Amino acid sequence: MIRQAEAPRGTDEFAVLIVDDSILEKAHTDANELICPHWDHRQQRFVKGLNFVSLRYQAGDLALPVAAELVVEKH
């Protein structure tokens, strides 16, 4: 279905929202609510670090950051 919607439009007319869940590894920092073990899908293991989610709007050559949110561990 997505490929059908893309076909009639050129890349300069197509816009997307990109969601990225990332971990900034902080192996040697004391643990707290923000810096704690998170599952890293890329490494297939838990890593200690700062987990955040970002949202970006992309339309052709235009790329704009929309939002960023830190993931807080609830104890």
PDB file of N, CA and C in Angstrom:
ATOM      1  N   MET A   1       0.812  -1.179   0.000  1.00  0.00           N
ATOM      2  CA  MET A   1       0.000   0.000   0.000  1.00  0.00           C
ATOM      3  C   MET A   1       0.875   1.271   0.000  1.00  0.00           C
ATOM      4  N   ILE A   2       1.928   1.291   0.814  1.00  0.00           N
ATOM      5  CA  ILE A   2       2.813   2.457   0.858  1.00  0.00           C
ATOM      6  C   ILE A   2       3.486   2.651  -0.489  1.00  0.00           C
ATOM      7  N   ARG A   3       3.962   1.570  -1.084  1.00  0.00           N
ATOM      8  CA  ARG A   3       4.646   1.676  -2.380  1.00  0.00           C
ATOM      9  C   ARG A   3       3.702   2.201  -3.451  1.00  0.00           C
ATOM     10  N   GLN A   4       2.421   1.869  -3.386  1.00  0.00           N
ATOM     11  CA  GLN A   4       1.457   2.397  -4.355  1.00  0.00           C
ATOM     12  C   GLN A   4       1.292   3.901  -4.179  1.00  0.00           C
ATOM     13  N   ALA A   5       1.304   4.390  -2.941  1.00  0.00           N
ATOM     14  CA  ALA A   5       1.167   5.820  -2.680  1.00  0.00           C
ATOM     15  C   ALA A   5       2.417   6.581  -3.113  1.00  0.00           C
ATOM     16  N   GLU A   6       3.586   5.937  -3.007  1.00  0.00           N
ATOM     17  CA  GLU A   6       4.837   6.587  -3.401  1.00  0.00           C
ATOM     18  C   GLU A   6       4.961   6.716  -4.916  1.00  0.00           C
ATOM     19  N   ALA A   7       4.477   5.729  -5.648  1.00  0.00           N
ATOM     20  CA  ALA A   7       4.691   5.643  -7.094  1.00  0.00           C
ATOM     21  C   ALA A   7       4.266   6.892  -7.865  1.00  0.00           C
ATOM     22  N   PRO A   8       3.065   7.444  -7.659  1.00  0.00           N
ATOM     23  CA  PRO A   8       2.677   8.594  -8.474  1.00  0.00           C
ATOM     24  C   PRO A   8       3.360   9.910  -8.088  1.00  0.00           C
ATOM     25  N   ARG A   9       4.077   9.932  -6.993  1.00  0.00           N
ATOM     26  CA  ARG A   9       4.716  11.164  -6.528  1.00  0.00           C
ATOM     27  C   ARG A   9       6.234  11.093  -6.726  1.00  0.00           C
ATOM     28  N   GLY A  10       6.813  12.223  -7.059  1.00  0.00           N
ATOM     29  CA  GLY A  10       8.269  12.314  -7.114  1.00  0.00           C
ATOM     30  C   GLY A  10       8.809  12.439  -5.700  1.00  0.00           C
ATOM     31  N   THR A  11      10.083  12.184  -5.508  1.00  0.00           N
ATOM     32  CA  THR A  11      10.663  12.248  -4.163  1.00  0.00           C
ATOM     33  C   THR A  11      10.590  13.645  -3.574  1.00  0.00           C
ATOM     34  N   ASP A  12      10.558  14.685  -4.416  1.00  0.00           N
ATOM     35  CA  ASP A  12      10.468  16.048  -3.902  1.00  0.00           C
ATOM     36  C   ASP A  12       9.068  16.392  -3.396  1.00  0.00           C
ATOM     37  N   GLU A  13       8.056  15.569  -3.709  1.00  0.00           N
ATOM     38  CA  GLU A  13       6.681  15.793  -3.256  1.00  0.00           C
ATOM     39  C   GLU A  13       6.302  14.892  -2.087  1.00  0.00           C
ATOM     40  N   PHE A  14       7.180  14.025  -1.679  1.00  0.00           N
ATOM     41  CA  PHE A  14       6.868  13.021  -0.665  1.00  0.00           C
ATOM     42  C   PHE A  14       7.444  13.448   0.685  1.00  0.00           C
ATOM     43  N   ALA A  15       6.639  13.421   1.746  1.00  0.00           N
ATOM     44  CA  ALA A  15       7.089  13.811   3.078  1.00  0.00           C
ATOM     45  C   ALA A  15       6.829  12.688   4.070  1.00  0.00           C
ATOM     46  N   VAL A  16       7.721  12.545   5.052  1.00  0.00           N
ATOM     47  CA  VAL A  16       7.583  11.494   6.060  1.00  0.00           C
ATOM     48  C   VAL A  16       7.952  12.043   7.438  1.00  0.00           C
ATOM     49  N   LEU A  17       7.438  11.387   8.475  1.00  0.00           N
ATOM     50  CA  LEU A  17       7.873  11.618   9.850  1.00  0.00           C
ATOM     51  C   LEU A  17       8.730  10.428  10.240  1.00  0.00           C
ATOM     52  N   ILE A  18       9.935  10.685  10.711  1.00  0.00           N
ATOM     53  CA  ILE A  18      10.866   9.625  11.074  1.00  0.00           C
ATOM     54  C   ILE A  18      11.002   9.597  12.589  1.00  0.00           C
ATOM     55  N   VAL A  19      10.721   8.432  13.184  1.00  0.00           N
ATOM     56  CA  VAL A  19      10.855   8.234  14.626  1.00  0.00           C
ATOM     57  C   VAL A  19      12.095   7.394  14.866  1.00  0.00           C
ATOM     58  N   ASP A  20      12.967   7.868  15.757  1.00  0.00           N
ATOM     59  CA  ASP A  20      14.203   7.139  16.050  1.00  0.00           C
ATOM     60  C   ASP A  20      14.349   6.967  17.557  1.00  0.00           C
ATOM     61  N   ASP A  21      14.534   5.738  17.980  1.00  0.00           N
ATOM     62  CA  ASP A  21      14.761   5.391  19.386  1.00  0.00           C
ATOM     63  C   ASP A  21      16.253   5.075  19.510  1.00  0.00           C
ATOM     64  N   SER A  22      16.993   5.895  20.251  1.00  0.00           N
ATOM     65  CA  SER A  22      18.444   5.751  20.328  1.00  0.00           C
ATOM     66  C   SER A  22      18.922   5.644  21.768  1.00  0.00           C
ATOM     67  N   ILE A  23      20.112   5.093  21.924  1.00  0.00           N
ATOM     68  CA  ILE A  23      20.760   5.000  23.233  1.00  0.00           C
ATOM     69  C   ILE A  23      22.150   5.613  23.114  1.00  0.00           C
ATOM     70  N   LEU A  24      22.418   6.576  23.983  1.00  0.00           N
ATOM     71  CA  LEU A  24      23.755   7.157  24.083  1.00  0.00           C
ATOM     72  C   LEU A  24      24.442   6.412  25.221  1.00  0.00           C
ATOM     73  N   GLU A  25      25.354   5.517  24.878  1.00  0.00           N
ATOM     74  CA  GLU A  25      25.981   4.647  25.883  1.00  0.00           C
ATOM     75  C   GLU A  25      26.831   5.455  26.861  1.00  0.00           C
ATOM     76  N   LYS A  26      26.652   5.178  28.149  1.00  0.00           N
ATOM     77  CA  LYS A  26      27.379   5.832  29.241  1.00  0.00           C
ATOM     78  C   LYS A  26      27.820   4.751  30.227  1.00  0.00           C
ATOM     79  N   ALA A  27      28.709   3.892  29.792  1.00  0.00           N
ATOM     80  CA  ALA A  27      29.108   2.722  30.578  1.00  0.00           C
ATOM     81  C   ALA A  27      29.780   3.081  31.902  1.00  0.00           C
ATOM     82  N   HIS A  28      30.462   4.221  31.977  1.00  0.00           N
ATOM     83  CA  HIS A  28      31.240   4.559  33.175  1.00  0.00           C
ATOM     84  C   HIS A  28      30.605   5.664  34.015  1.00  0.00           C
ATOM     85  N   THR A  29      29.326   5.928  33.783  1.00  0.00           N
ATOM     86  CA  THR A  29      28.603   6.949  34.548  1.00  0.00           C
ATOM     87  C   THR A  29      27.722   6.262  35.583  1.00  0.00           C
ATOM     88  N   ASP A  30      27.599   6.856  36.768  1.00  0.00           N
ATOM     89  CA  ASP A  30      26.732   6.285  37.801  1.00  0.00           C
ATOM     90  C   ASP A  30      25.296   6.205  37.303  1.00  0.00           C
ATOM     91  N   ALA A  31      24.611   5.120  37.642  1.00  0.00           N
ATOM     92  CA  ALA A  31      23.227   4.917  37.216  1.00  0.00           C
ATOM     93  C   ALA A  31      22.283   5.859  37.964  1.00  0.00           C
ATOM     94  N   ASN A  32      21.222   6.285  37.283  1.00  0.00           N
ATOM     95  CA  ASN A  32      20.151   7.079  37.870  1.00  0.00           C
ATOM     96  C   ASN A  32      18.894   6.849  37.040  1.00  0.00           C
ATOM     97  N   GLU A  33      17.879   7.728  37.153  1.00  0.00           N
ATOM     98  CA  GLU A  33      16.634   7.532  36.410  1.00  0.00           C
ATOM     99  C   GLU A  33      16.822   7.590  34.893  1.00  0.00           C
ATOM    100  N   LEU A  34      17.777   8.390  34.421  1.00  0.00           N
ATOM    101  CA  LEU A  34      18.000   8.537  32.989  1.00  0.00           C
ATOM    102  C   LEU A  34      19.081   7.602  32.455  1.00  0.00           C
ATOM    103  N   ILE A  35      20.141   7.441  33.216  1.00  0.00           N
ATOM    104  CA  ILE A  35      21.246   6.581  32.792  1.00  0.00           C
ATOM    105  C   ILE A  35      21.102   5.236  33.505  1.00  0.00           C
ATOM    106  N   CYS A  36      20.631   4.245  32.775  1.00  0.00           N
ATOM    107  CA  CYS A  36      20.365   2.928  33.335  1.00  0.00           C
ATOM    108  C   CYS A  36      20.408   1.911  32.195  1.00  0.00           C
ATOM    109  N   PRO A  37      20.297   0.621  32.501  1.00  0.00           N
ATOM    110  CA  PRO A  37      20.330  -0.379  31.429  1.00  0.00           C
ATOM    111  C   PRO A  37      19.110  -0.277  30.510  1.00  0.00           C
ATOM    112  N   HIS A  38      19.356  -0.297  29.210  1.00  0.00           N
ATOM    113  CA  HIS A  38      18.317  -0.304  28.181  1.00  0.00           C
ATOM    114  C   HIS A  38      18.678  -1.393  27.173  1.00  0.00           C
ATOM    115  N   TRP A  39      17.672  -2.030  26.581  1.00  0.00           N
ATOM    116  CA  TRP A  39      17.929  -3.042  25.556  1.00  0.00           C
ATOM    117  C   TRP A  39      18.321  -2.352  24.258  1.00  0.00           C
ATOM    118  N   ASP A  40      19.501  -2.697  23.740  1.00  0.00           N
ATOM    119  CA  ASP A  40      19.995  -2.146  22.484  1.00  0.00           C
ATOM    120  C   ASP A  40      19.745  -3.183  21.394  1.00  0.00           C
ATOM    121  N   HIS A  41      18.800  -2.898  20.493  1.00  0.00           N
ATOM    122  CA  HIS A  41      18.436  -3.849  19.437  1.00  0.00           C
ATOM    123  C   HIS A  41      19.575  -4.048  18.440  1.00  0.00           C
ATOM    124  N   ARG A  42      20.377  -3.024  18.247  1.00  0.00           N
ATOM    125  CA  ARG A  42      21.493  -3.139  17.307  1.00  0.00           C
ATOM    126  C   ARG A  42      22.556  -4.109  17.825  1.00  0.00           C
ATOM    127  N   GLN A  43      22.865  -4.015  19.131  1.00  0.00           N
ATOM    128  CA  GLN A  43      23.894  -4.869  19.725  1.00  0.00           C
ATOM    129  C   GLN A  43      23.327  -6.160  20.310  1.00  0.00           C
ATOM    130  N   GLN A  44      21.983  -6.257  20.394  1.00  0.00           N
ATOM    131  CA  GLN A  44      21.301  -7.428  20.947  1.00  0.00           C
ATOM    132  C   GLN A  44      21.739  -7.733  22.379  1.00  0.00           C
ATOM    133  N   ARG A  45      21.850  -6.661  23.181  1.00  0.00           N
ATOM    134  CA  ARG A  45      22.204  -6.813  24.600  1.00  0.00           C
ATOM    135  C   ARG A  45      21.805  -5.544  25.343  1.00  0.00           C
ATOM    136  N   PHE A  46      21.796  -5.629  26.675  1.00  0.00           N
ATOM    137  CA  PHE A  46      21.546  -4.452  27.489  1.00  0.00           C
ATOM    138  C   PHE A  46      22.809  -3.598  27.554  1.00  0.00           C
ATOM    139  N   VAL A  47      22.642  -2.284  27.456  1.00  0.00           N
ATOM    140  CA  VAL A  47      23.751  -1.351  27.630  1.00  0.00           C
ATOM    141  C   VAL A  47      23.298  -0.261  28.598  1.00  0.00           C
ATOM    142  N   LYS A  48      24.241   0.241  29.400  1.00  0.00           N
ATOM    143  CA  LYS A  48      23.928   1.332  30.314  1.00  0.00           C
ATOM    144  C   LYS A  48      24.103   2.639  29.569  1.00  0.00           C
ATOM    145  N   GLY A  49      23.051   3.465  29.594  1.00  0.00           N
ATOM    146  CA  GLY A  49      23.149   4.729  28.895  1.00  0.00           C
ATOM    147  C   GLY A  49      21.876   5.535  28.972  1.00  0.00           C
ATOM    148  N   LEU A  50      21.823   6.554  28.132  1.00  0.00           N
ATOM    149  CA  LEU A  50      20.722   7.497  28.062  1.00  0.00           C
ATOM    150  C   LEU A  50      19.859   7.127  26.855  1.00  0.00           C
ATOM    151  N   ASN A  51      18.589   6.794  27.094  1.00  0.00           N
ATOM    152  CA  ASN A  51      17.676   6.406  26.028  1.00  0.00           C
ATOM    153  C   ASN A  51      16.811   7.612  25.663  1.00  0.00           C
ATOM    154  N   PHE A  52      16.698   7.899  24.357  1.00  0.00           N
ATOM    155  CA  PHE A  52      15.861   9.017  23.918  1.00  0.00           C
ATOM    156  C   PHE A  52      15.180   8.685  22.600  1.00  0.00           C
ATOM    157  N   VAL A  53      14.044   9.343  22.386  1.00  0.00           N
ATOM    158  CA  VAL A  53      13.266   9.176  21.162  1.00  0.00           C
ATOM    159  C   VAL A  53      13.219  10.532  20.465  1.00  0.00           C
ATOM    160  N   SER A  54      13.482  10.532  19.161  1.00  0.00           N
ATOM    161  CA  SER A  54      13.429  11.791  18.406  1.00  0.00           C
ATOM    162  C   SER A  54      12.479  11.638  17.216  1.00  0.00           C
ATOM    163  N   LEU A  55      11.921  12.766  16.797  1.00  0.00           N
ATOM    164  CA  LEU A  55      10.986  12.808  15.679  1.00  0.00           C
ATOM    165  C   LEU A  55      11.488  13.858  14.696  1.00  0.00           C
ATOM    166  N   ARG A  56      11.571  13.456  13.409  1.00  0.00           N
ATOM    167  CA  ARG A  56      12.072  14.358  12.373  1.00  0.00           C
ATOM    168  C   ARG A  56      11.113  14.362  11.187  1.00  0.00           C
ATOM    169  N   TYR A  57      10.859  15.543  10.633  1.00  0.00           N
ATOM    170  CA  TYR A  57      10.032  15.705   9.432  1.00  0.00           C
ATOM    171  C   TYR A  57      10.972  15.808   8.241  1.00  0.00           C
ATOM    172  N   GLN A  58      10.755  14.971   7.222  1.00  0.00           N
ATOM    173  CA  GLN A  58      11.610  14.967   6.033  1.00  0.00           C
ATOM    174  C   GLN A  58      10.728  15.130   4.798  1.00  0.00           C
ATOM    175  N   ALA A  59      11.016  16.172   4.000  1.00  0.00           N
ATOM    176  CA  ALA A  59      10.311  16.412   2.733  1.00  0.00           C
ATOM    177  C   ALA A  59      11.342  16.833   1.700  1.00  0.00           C
ATOM    178  N   GLY A  60      11.667  15.936   0.798  1.00  0.00           N
ATOM    179  CA  GLY A  60      12.708  16.220  -0.186  1.00  0.00           C
ATOM    180  C   GLY A  60      14.028  16.482   0.516  1.00  0.00           C
ATOM    181  N   ASP A  61      14.653  17.620   0.234  1.00  0.00           N
ATOM    182  CA  ASP A  61      15.926  17.985   0.861  1.00  0.00           C
ATOM    183  C   ASP A  61      15.743  18.646   2.228  1.00  0.00           C
ATOM    184  N   LEU A  62      14.510  18.949   2.589  1.00  0.00           N
ATOM    185  CA  LEU A  62      14.218  19.608   3.861  1.00  0.00           C
ATOM    186  C   LEU A  62      14.111  18.573   4.979  1.00  0.00           C
ATOM    187  N   ALA A  63      14.871  18.750   6.048  1.00  0.00           N
ATOM    188  CA  ALA A  63      14.807  17.874   7.225  1.00  0.00           C
ATOM    189  C   ALA A  63      14.741  18.755   8.465  1.00  0.00           C
ATOM    190  N   LEU A  64      13.650  18.621   9.225  1.00  0.00           N
ATOM    191  CA  LEU A  64      13.461  19.454  10.410  1.00  0.00           C
ATOM    192  C   LEU A  64      13.252  18.594  11.649  1.00  0.00           C
ATOM    193  N   PRO A  65      14.020  18.852  12.724  1.00  0.00           N
ATOM    194  CA  PRO A  65      13.738  18.150  13.975  1.00  0.00           C
ATOM    195  C   PRO A  65      12.418  18.666  14.548  1.00  0.00           C
ATOM    196  N   VAL A  66      11.558  17.751  14.988  1.00  0.00           N
ATOM    197  CA  VAL A  66      10.253  18.129  15.515  1.00  0.00           C
ATOM    198  C   VAL A  66      10.226  18.010  17.033  1.00  0.00           C
ATOM    199  N   ALA A  67      10.783  16.910  17.560  1.00  0.00           N
ATOM    200  CA  ALA A  67      10.723  16.688  19.004  1.00  0.00           C
ATOM    201  C   ALA A  67      11.808  15.704  19.428  1.00  0.00           C
ATOM    202  N   ALA A  68      12.153  15.766  20.707  1.00  0.00           N
ATOM    203  CA  ALA A  68      13.056  14.792  21.327  1.00  0.00           C
ATOM    204  C   ALA A  68      12.576  14.584  22.755  1.00  0.00           C
ATOM    205  N   GLU A  69      12.588  13.356  23.201  1.00  0.00           N
ATOM    206  CA  GLU A  69      12.083  13.030  24.540  1.00  0.00           C
ATOM    207  C   GLU A  69      13.036  12.035  25.195  1.00  0.00           C
ATOM    208  N   LEU A  70      13.459  12.337  26.424  1.00  0.00           N
ATOM    209  CA  LEU A  70      14.281  11.416  27.197  1.00  0.00           C
ATOM    210  C   LEU A  70      13.391  10.350  27.811  1.00  0.00           C
ATOM    211  N   VAL A  71      13.849   9.123  27.830  1.00  0.00           N
ATOM    212  CA  VAL A  71      13.093   8.027  28.433  1.00  0.00           C
ATOM    213  C   VAL A  71      13.542   7.885  29.875  1.00  0.00           C
ATOM    214  N   VAL A  72      12.613   8.085  30.818  1.00  0.00           N
ATOM    215  CA  VAL A  72      12.902   8.014  32.245  1.00  0.00           C
ATOM    216  C   VAL A  72      12.478   6.651  32.774  1.00  0.00           C
ATOM    217  N   GLU A  73      13.388   5.962  33.452  1.00  0.00           N
ATOM    218  CA  GLU A  73      13.103   4.654  34.040  1.00  0.00           C
ATOM    219  C   GLU A  73      12.299   4.831  35.312  1.00  0.00           C
ATOM    220  N   LYS A  74      11.159   4.193  35.388  1.00  0.00           N
ATOM    221  CA  LYS A  74      10.318   4.239  36.598  1.00  0.00           C
ATOM    222  C   LYS A  74      10.702   3.064  37.493  1.00  0.00           C
ATOM    223  N   HIS A  75      10.988   3.349  38.748  1.00  0.00           N
ATOM    224  CA  HIS A  75      11.372   2.283  39.696  1.00  0.00           C
ATOM    225  C   HIS A  75      10.192   1.833  40.505  1.00  0.00           C
TER     226      HIS A  75
END
